[in-house]
All heavy atoms as atom14 arrays in JSON, in Angstrom:
{
  "sequence": "VGFVANNSAVGSGQIDIAAAYKNARFIRFCNLYNIP",
  "atom14_mask": [
    [1, 1, 1, 1, 1, 1, 1, 0, 0, 0, 0, 0, 0, 0],
    [1, 1, 1, 1, 0, 0, 0, 0, 0, 0, 0, 0, 0, 0],
    [1, 1, 1, 1, 1, 1, 1, 1, 1, 1, 1, 0, 0, 0],
    [1, 1, 1, 1, 1, 1, 1, 0, 0, 0, 0, 0, 0, 0],
    [1, 1, 1, 1, 1, 0, 0, 0, 0, 0, 0, 0, 0, 0],
    [1, 1, 1, 1, 1, 1, 1, 1, 0, 0, 0, 0, 0, 0],
    [1, 1, 1, 1, 1, 1, 1, 1, 0, 0, 0, 0, 0, 0],
    [1, 1, 1, 1, 1, 1, 0, 0, 0, 0, 0, 0, 0, 0],
    [1, 1, 1, 1, 1, 0, 0, 0, 0, 0, 0, 0, 0, 0],
    [1, 1, 1, 1, 1, 1, 1, 0, 0, 0, 0, 0, 0, 0],
    [1, 1, 1, 1, 0, 0, 0, 0, 0, 0, 0, 0, 0, 0],
    [1, 1, 1, 1, 1, 1, 0, 0, 0, 0, 0, 0, 0, 0],
    [1, 1, 1, 1, 0, 0, 0, 0, 0, 0, 0, 0, 0, 0],
    [1, 1, 1, 1, 1, 1, 1, 1, 1, 0, 0, 0, 0, 0],
    [1, 1, 1, 1, 1, 1, 1, 1, 0, 0, 0, 0, 0, 0],
    [1, 1, 1, 1, 1, 1, 1, 1, 0, 0, 0, 0, 0, 0],
    [1, 1, 1, 1, 1, 1, 1, 1, 0, 0, 0, 0, 0, 0],
    [1, 1, 1, 1, 1, 0, 0, 0, 0, 0, 0, 0, 0, 0],
    [1, 1, 1, 1, 1, 0, 0, 0, 0, 0, 0, 0, 0, 0],
    [1, 1, 1, 1, 1, 0, 0, 0, 0, 0, 0, 0, 0, 0],
    [1, 1, 1, 1, 1, 1, 1, 1, 1, 1, 1, 1, 0, 0],
    [1, 1, 1, 1, 1, 1, 1, 1, 1, 0, 0, 0, 0, 0],
    [1, 1, 1, 1, 1, 1, 1, 1, 0, 0, 0, 0, 0, 0],
    [1, 1, 1, 1, 1, 0, 0, 0, 0, 0, 0, 0, 0, 0],
    [1, 1, 1, 1, 1, 1, 1, 1, 1, 1, 1, 0, 0, 0],
    [1, 1, 1, 1, 1, 1, 1, 1, 1, 1, 1, 0, 0, 0],
    [1, 1, 1, 1, 1, 1, 1, 1, 0, 0, 0, 0, 0, 0],
    [1, 1, 1, 1, 1, 1, 1, 1, 1, 1, 1, 0, 0, 0],
    [1, 1, 1, 1, 1, 1, 1, 1, 1, 1, 1, 0, 0, 0],
    [1, 1, 1, 1, 1, 1, 0, 0, 0, 0, 0, 0, 0, 0],
    [1, 1, 1, 1, 1, 1, 1, 1, 0, 0, 0, 0, 0, 0],
    [1, 1, 1, 1, 1, 1, 1, 1, 0, 0, 0, 0, 0, 0],
    [1, 1, 1, 1, 1, 1, 1, 1, 1, 1, 1, 1, 0, 0],
    [1, 1, 1, 1, 1, 1, 1, 1, 0, 0, 0, 0, 0, 0],
    [1, 1, 1, 1, 1, 1, 1, 1, 0, 0, 0, 0, 0, 0],
    [1, 1, 1, 1, 1, 1, 1, 0, 0, 0, 0, 0, 0, 0]
  ],
  "atom14_positions": [
    [[96.05, 76.16, 77.33], [96.5, 76.44, 78.7], [96.88, 77.91, 78.78], [97.36, 78.5, 77.82], [97.7, 75.55, 79.09], [98.9, 75.79, 78.18], [98.09, 75.74, 80.55], [0.0, 0.0, 0.0], [0.0, 0.0, 0.0], [0.0, 0.0, 0.0], [0.0, 0.0, 0.0], [0.0, 0.0, 0.0], [0.0, 0.0, 0.0], [0.0, 0.0, 0.0]],
    [[96.62, 78.53, 79.94], [97.02, 79.9, 80.17], [98.38, 79.95, 80.86], [98.76, 79.02, 81.59], [0.0, 0.0, 0.0], [0.0, 0.0, 0.0], [0.0, 0.0, 0.0], [0.0, 0.0, 0.0], [0.0, 0.0, 0.0], [0.0, 0.0, 0.0], [0.0, 0.0, 0.0], [0.0, 0.0, 0.0], [0.0, 0.0, 0.0], [0.0, 0.0, 0.0]],
    [[99.13, 81.02, 80.62], [100.42, 81.23, 81.28], [100.38, 82.55, 82.03], [99.96, 83.58, 81.48], [101.56, 81.27, 80.26], [101.82, 79.96, 79.57], [101.19, 79.65, 78.38], [102.7, 79.05, 80.12], [101.43, 78.44, 77.73], [102.95, 77.84, 79.48], [102.31, 77.53, 78.29], [0.0, 0.0, 0.0], [0.0, 0.0, 0.0], [0.0, 0.0, 0.0]],
    [[100.81, 82.53, 83.29], [101.0, 83.75, 84.07], [102.44, 83.7, 84.56], [102.79, 82.85, 85.39], [100.02, 83.84, 85.26], [100.31, 85.08, 86.09], [98.58, 83.84, 84.77], [0.0, 0.0, 0.0], [0.0, 0.0, 0.0], [0.0, 0.0, 0.0], [0.0, 0.0, 0.0], [0.0, 0.0, 0.0], [0.0, 0.0, 0.0], [0.0, 0.0, 0.0]],
    [[103.28, 84.59, 84.02], [104.73, 84.45, 84.23], [105.38, 85.76, 84.62], [105.13, 86.8, 83.98], [105.37, 83.89, 82.96], [0.0, 0.0, 0.0], [0.0, 0.0, 0.0], [0.0, 0.0, 0.0], [0.0, 0.0, 0.0], [0.0, 0.0, 0.0], [0.0, 0.0, 0.0], [0.0, 0.0, 0.0], [0.0, 0.0, 0.0], [0.0, 0.0, 0.0]],
    [[106.23, 85.74, 85.64], [107.08, 86.89, 85.96], [108.17, 87.0, 84.88], [108.75, 86.01, 84.48], [107.75, 86.72, 87.32], [106.77, 86.45, 88.43], [106.91, 85.46, 89.16], [105.77, 87.3, 88.58], [0.0, 0.0, 0.0], [0.0, 0.0, 0.0], [0.0, 0.0, 0.0], [0.0, 0.0, 0.0], [0.0, 0.0, 0.0], [0.0, 0.0, 0.0]],
    [[108.42, 88.23, 84.45], [109.4, 88.47, 83.38], [110.55, 89.29, 83.93], [110.45, 90.51, 84.05], [108.73, 89.19, 82.21], [109.65, 89.34, 81.03], [110.65, 88.62, 80.91], [109.35, 90.28, 80.15], [0.0, 0.0, 0.0], [0.0, 0.0, 0.0], [0.0, 0.0, 0.0], [0.0, 0.0, 0.0], [0.0, 0.0, 0.0], [0.0, 0.0, 0.0]],
    [[111.66, 88.63, 84.27], [112.78, 89.33, 84.9], [113.46, 90.31, 83.96], [114.24, 91.14, 84.41], [113.81, 88.31, 85.4], [114.41, 87.61, 84.32], [0.0, 0.0, 0.0], [0.0, 0.0, 0.0], [0.0, 0.0, 0.0], [0.0, 0.0, 0.0], [0.0, 0.0, 0.0], [0.0, 0.0, 0.0], [0.0, 0.0, 0.0], [0.0, 0.0, 0.0]],
    [[113.17, 90.24, 82.66], [113.77, 91.18, 81.7], [113.25, 92.6, 81.92], [113.85, 93.55, 81.42], [113.49, 90.73, 80.27], [0.0, 0.0, 0.0], [0.0, 0.0, 0.0], [0.0, 0.0, 0.0], [0.0, 0.0, 0.0], [0.0, 0.0, 0.0], [0.0, 0.0, 0.0], [0.0, 0.0, 0.0], [0.0, 0.0, 0.0], [0.0, 0.0, 0.0]],
    [[112.14, 92.74, 82.65], [111.56, 94.07, 82.92], [111.38, 94.21, 84.43], [110.6, 93.49, 85.05], [110.2, 94.24, 82.22], [109.59, 95.59, 82.55], [110.35, 94.07, 80.71], [0.0, 0.0, 0.0], [0.0, 0.0, 0.0], [0.0, 0.0, 0.0], [0.0, 0.0, 0.0], [0.0, 0.0, 0.0], [0.0, 0.0, 0.0], [0.0, 0.0, 0.0]],
    [[112.11, 95.13, 85.02], [111.95, 95.42, 86.45], [112.17, 94.22, 87.34], [111.54, 94.1, 88.4], [0.0, 0.0, 0.0], [0.0, 0.0, 0.0], [0.0, 0.0, 0.0], [0.0, 0.0, 0.0], [0.0, 0.0, 0.0], [0.0, 0.0, 0.0], [0.0, 0.0, 0.0], [0.0, 0.0, 0.0], [0.0, 0.0, 0.0], [0.0, 0.0, 0.0]],
    [[113.08, 93.32, 86.95], [113.39, 92.12, 87.74], [112.17, 91.24, 87.97], [112.17, 90.4, 88.86], [114.01, 92.5, 89.09], [115.21, 93.21, 88.91], [0.0, 0.0, 0.0], [0.0, 0.0, 0.0], [0.0, 0.0, 0.0], [0.0, 0.0, 0.0], [0.0, 0.0, 0.0], [0.0, 0.0, 0.0], [0.0, 0.0, 0.0], [0.0, 0.0, 0.0]],
    [[111.12, 91.44, 87.17], [109.92, 90.63, 87.33], [109.13, 90.95, 88.57], [108.22, 90.2, 88.96], [0.0, 0.0, 0.0], [0.0, 0.0, 0.0], [0.0, 0.0, 0.0], [0.0, 0.0, 0.0], [0.0, 0.0, 0.0], [0.0, 0.0, 0.0], [0.0, 0.0, 0.0], [0.0, 0.0, 0.0], [0.0, 0.0, 0.0], [0.0, 0.0, 0.0]],
    [[109.44, 92.07, 89.23], [108.71, 92.43, 90.45], [107.24, 92.73, 90.11], [106.93, 93.23, 89.03], [109.35, 93.64, 91.13], [110.68, 93.31, 91.81], [111.23, 94.5, 92.56], [111.3, 95.6, 92.04], [111.62, 94.29, 93.8], [0.0, 0.0, 0.0], [0.0, 0.0, 0.0], [0.0, 0.0, 0.0], [0.0, 0.0, 0.0], [0.0, 0.0, 0.0]],
    [[106.36, 92.43, 91.03], [104.93, 92.6, 90.81], [104.52, 93.98, 91.3], [104.57, 94.27, 92.5], [104.13, 91.52, 91.56], [104.59, 90.13, 91.12], [102.64, 91.69, 91.31], [104.03, 89.0, 91.98], [0.0, 0.0, 0.0], [0.0, 0.0, 0.0], [0.0, 0.0, 0.0], [0.0, 0.0, 0.0], [0.0, 0.0, 0.0], [0.0, 0.0, 0.0]],
    [[104.12, 94.85, 90.37], [103.62, 96.17, 90.74], [102.11, 96.21, 90.59], [101.47, 95.18, 90.31], [104.31, 97.27, 89.92], [104.1, 97.08, 88.42], [103.32, 96.2, 88.02], [104.73, 97.82, 87.64], [0.0, 0.0, 0.0], [0.0, 0.0, 0.0], [0.0, 0.0, 0.0], [0.0, 0.0, 0.0], [0.0, 0.0, 0.0], [0.0, 0.0, 0.0]],
    [[101.51, 97.39, 90.73], [100.05, 97.51, 90.69], [99.5, 97.04, 89.35], [98.55, 96.25, 89.28], [99.64, 98.97, 90.96], [100.0, 99.37, 92.39], [98.14, 99.17, 90.72], [99.85, 100.85, 92.68], [0.0, 0.0, 0.0], [0.0, 0.0, 0.0], [0.0, 0.0, 0.0], [0.0, 0.0, 0.0], [0.0, 0.0, 0.0], [0.0, 0.0, 0.0]],
    [[100.1, 97.53, 88.26], [99.6, 97.17, 86.93], [99.7, 95.67, 86.68], [98.78, 95.05, 86.14], [100.37, 97.94, 85.86], [0.0, 0.0, 0.0], [0.0, 0.0, 0.0], [0.0, 0.0, 0.0], [0.0, 0.0, 0.0], [0.0, 0.0, 0.0], [0.0, 0.0, 0.0], [0.0, 0.0, 0.0], [0.0, 0.0, 0.0], [0.0, 0.0, 0.0]],
    [[100.82, 95.07, 87.07], [101.01, 93.63, 86.85], [100.02, 92.82, 87.68], [99.48, 91.8, 87.21], [102.43, 93.24, 87.2], [0.0, 0.0, 0.0], [0.0, 0.0, 0.0], [0.0, 0.0, 0.0], [0.0, 0.0, 0.0], [0.0, 0.0, 0.0], [0.0, 0.0, 0.0], [0.0, 0.0, 0.0], [0.0, 0.0, 0.0], [0.0, 0.0, 0.0]],
    [[99.76, 93.24, 88.92], [98.84, 92.5, 89.78], [97.43, 92.5, 89.21], [96.76, 91.46, 89.16], [98.85, 93.11, 91.19], [0.0, 0.0, 0.0], [0.0, 0.0, 0.0], [0.0, 0.0, 0.0], [0.0, 0.0, 0.0], [0.0, 0.0, 0.0], [0.0, 0.0, 0.0], [0.0, 0.0, 0.0], [0.0, 0.0, 0.0], [0.0, 0.0, 0.0]],
    [[96.96, 93.67, 88.74], [95.62, 93.73, 88.16], [95.55, 93.0, 86.83], [94.54, 92.36, 86.51], [95.19, 95.19, 87.98], [94.69, 95.84, 89.26], [95.18, 97.07, 89.7], [93.7, 95.22, 90.03], [94.71, 97.66, 90.87], [93.23, 95.8, 91.2], [93.74, 97.02, 91.62], [93.28, 97.6, 92.78], [0.0, 0.0, 0.0], [0.0, 0.0, 0.0]],
    [[96.59, 93.1, 86.05], [96.64, 92.37, 84.78], [96.55, 90.86, 85.04], [95.78, 90.15, 84.38], [97.95, 92.71, 84.06], [98.21, 91.94, 82.77], [99.55, 92.38, 82.17], [99.96, 91.55, 80.98], [101.24, 92.0, 80.39], [0.0, 0.0, 0.0], [0.0, 0.0, 0.0], [0.0, 0.0, 0.0], [0.0, 0.0, 0.0], [0.0, 0.0, 0.0]],
    [[97.31, 90.37, 86.0], [97.26, 88.95, 86.36], [95.88, 88.55, 86.87], [95.32, 87.52, 86.48], [98.31, 88.63, 87.42], [99.73, 88.74, 86.9], [99.96, 88.8, 85.69], [100.69, 88.75, 87.81], [0.0, 0.0, 0.0], [0.0, 0.0, 0.0], [0.0, 0.0, 0.0], [0.0, 0.0, 0.0], [0.0, 0.0, 0.0], [0.0, 0.0, 0.0]],
    [[95.34, 89.37, 87.78], [94.05, 89.04, 88.4], [92.95, 88.9, 87.36], [92.16, 87.95, 87.4], [93.67, 90.1, 89.43], [0.0, 0.0, 0.0], [0.0, 0.0, 0.0], [0.0, 0.0, 0.0], [0.0, 0.0, 0.0], [0.0, 0.0, 0.0], [0.0, 0.0, 0.0], [0.0, 0.0, 0.0], [0.0, 0.0, 0.0], [0.0, 0.0, 0.0]],
    [[92.91, 89.82, 86.44], [91.86, 89.78, 85.43], [91.98, 88.55, 84.54], [90.99, 87.89, 84.21], [91.92, 91.05, 84.58], [90.8, 91.15, 83.57], [90.76, 92.53, 82.97], [90.32, 92.47, 81.59], [90.57, 93.4, 80.69], [91.29, 94.44, 81.02], [90.12, 93.29, 79.47], [0.0, 0.0, 0.0], [0.0, 0.0, 0.0], [0.0, 0.0, 0.0]],
    [[93.19, 88.24, 84.12], [93.4, 87.07, 83.26], [93.07, 85.78, 83.99], [92.45, 84.86, 83.44], [94.85, 87.06, 82.76], [95.17, 85.89, 81.88], [94.63, 85.79, 80.6], [96.01, 84.88, 82.32], [94.94, 84.71, 79.78], [96.32, 83.8, 81.51], [95.78, 83.73, 80.23], [0.0, 0.0, 0.0], [0.0, 0.0, 0.0], [0.0, 0.0, 0.0]],
    [[93.48, 85.69, 85.26], [93.21, 84.48, 86.06], [91.71, 84.29, 86.23], [91.19, 83.17, 86.12], [93.92, 84.58, 87.43], [95.45, 84.56, 87.24], [93.49, 83.44, 88.35], [96.22, 85.01, 88.47], [0.0, 0.0, 0.0], [0.0, 0.0, 0.0], [0.0, 0.0, 0.0], [0.0, 0.0, 0.0], [0.0, 0.0, 0.0], [0.0, 0.0, 0.0]],
    [[90.99, 85.37, 86.5], [89.53, 85.27, 86.66], [88.88, 84.81, 85.36], [87.94, 84.01, 85.38], [88.95, 86.62, 87.09], [89.26, 87.01, 88.54], [88.65, 88.36, 88.88], [87.2, 88.35, 88.76], [86.37, 87.93, 89.7], [86.85, 87.47, 90.85], [85.07, 87.95, 89.51], [0.0, 0.0, 0.0], [0.0, 0.0, 0.0], [0.0, 0.0, 0.0]],
    [[89.36, 85.3, 84.23], [88.8, 84.86, 82.96], [89.01, 83.35, 82.76], [88.08, 82.63, 82.39], [89.43, 85.64, 81.79], [88.93, 85.19, 80.45], [87.75, 85.69, 79.93], [89.63, 84.25, 79.7], [87.28, 85.28, 78.69], [89.17, 83.83, 78.47], [87.99, 84.34, 77.96], [0.0, 0.0, 0.0], [0.0, 0.0, 0.0], [0.0, 0.0, 0.0]],
    [[90.22, 82.89, 82.99], [90.52, 81.46, 82.84], [89.68, 80.63, 83.81], [89.23, 79.53, 83.47], [92.01, 81.2, 83.07], [93.08, 81.87, 81.78], [0.0, 0.0, 0.0], [0.0, 0.0, 0.0], [0.0, 0.0, 0.0], [0.0, 0.0, 0.0], [0.0, 0.0, 0.0], [0.0, 0.0, 0.0], [0.0, 0.0, 0.0], [0.0, 0.0, 0.0]],
    [[89.45, 81.15, 85.0], [88.65, 80.45, 85.99], [87.21, 80.28, 85.51], [86.6, 79.22, 85.65], [88.68, 81.22, 87.31], [88.2, 80.4, 88.49], [88.15, 79.17, 88.44], [87.86, 81.07, 89.57], [0.0, 0.0, 0.0], [0.0, 0.0, 0.0], [0.0, 0.0, 0.0], [0.0, 0.0, 0.0], [0.0, 0.0, 0.0], [0.0, 0.0, 0.0]],
    [[86.65, 81.33, 84.93], [85.27, 81.28, 84.46], [85.1, 80.32, 83.28], [84.07, 79.65, 83.16], [84.81, 82.68, 84.04], [84.55, 83.68, 85.17], [84.38, 85.08, 84.6], [83.31, 83.28, 85.95], [0.0, 0.0, 0.0], [0.0, 0.0, 0.0], [0.0, 0.0, 0.0], [0.0, 0.0, 0.0], [0.0, 0.0, 0.0], [0.0, 0.0, 0.0]],
    [[86.11, 80.24, 82.42], [85.96, 79.5, 81.18], [86.81, 78.23, 81.1], [87.2, 77.8, 80.02], [86.24, 80.43, 80.0], [85.2, 81.52, 79.89], [85.48, 82.82, 80.28], [83.91, 81.24, 79.47], [84.52, 83.82, 80.22], [82.94, 82.23, 79.41], [83.25, 83.5, 79.78], [82.29, 84.49, 79.73], [0.0, 0.0, 0.0], [0.0, 0.0, 0.0]],
    [[87.09, 77.64, 82.27], [87.65, 76.29, 82.34], [89.01, 76.14, 81.65], [89.28, 75.13, 81.01], [86.66, 75.28, 81.75], [85.31, 75.32, 82.44], [85.17, 75.0, 83.61], [84.29, 75.75, 81.7], [0.0, 0.0, 0.0], [0.0, 0.0, 0.0], [0.0, 0.0, 0.0], [0.0, 0.0, 0.0], [0.0, 0.0, 0.0], [0.0, 0.0, 0.0]],
    [[89.85, 77.17, 81.76], [91.17, 77.12, 81.13], [92.23, 76.88, 82.21], [92.35, 77.67, 83.15], [91.47, 78.44, 80.38], [90.44, 78.64, 79.27], [92.88, 78.42, 79.81], [90.56, 79.98, 78.56], [0.0, 0.0, 0.0], [0.0, 0.0, 0.0], [0.0, 0.0, 0.0], [0.0, 0.0, 0.0], [0.0, 0.0, 0.0], [0.0, 0.0, 0.0]],
    [[93.01, 75.79, 82.12], [94.08, 75.54, 83.09], [95.14, 76.65, 82.99], [95.26, 77.33, 81.97], [94.66, 74.2, 82.64], [93.65, 73.6, 81.72], [92.92, 74.73, 81.1], [0.0, 0.0, 0.0], [0.0, 0.0, 0.0], [0.0, 0.0, 0.0], [0.0, 0.0, 0.0], [0.0, 0.0, 0.0], [0.0, 0.0, 0.0], [0.0, 0.0, 0.0]]
  ]
}
């Protein structure tokens, strides 16, 4: 299973540009390869 998690220990877990693209790329990979 994949995990996409906000981490409040860094910047209150707010989503910035780098985090959004990092999440998007990982989610797309999991989508292509059948990973929940």
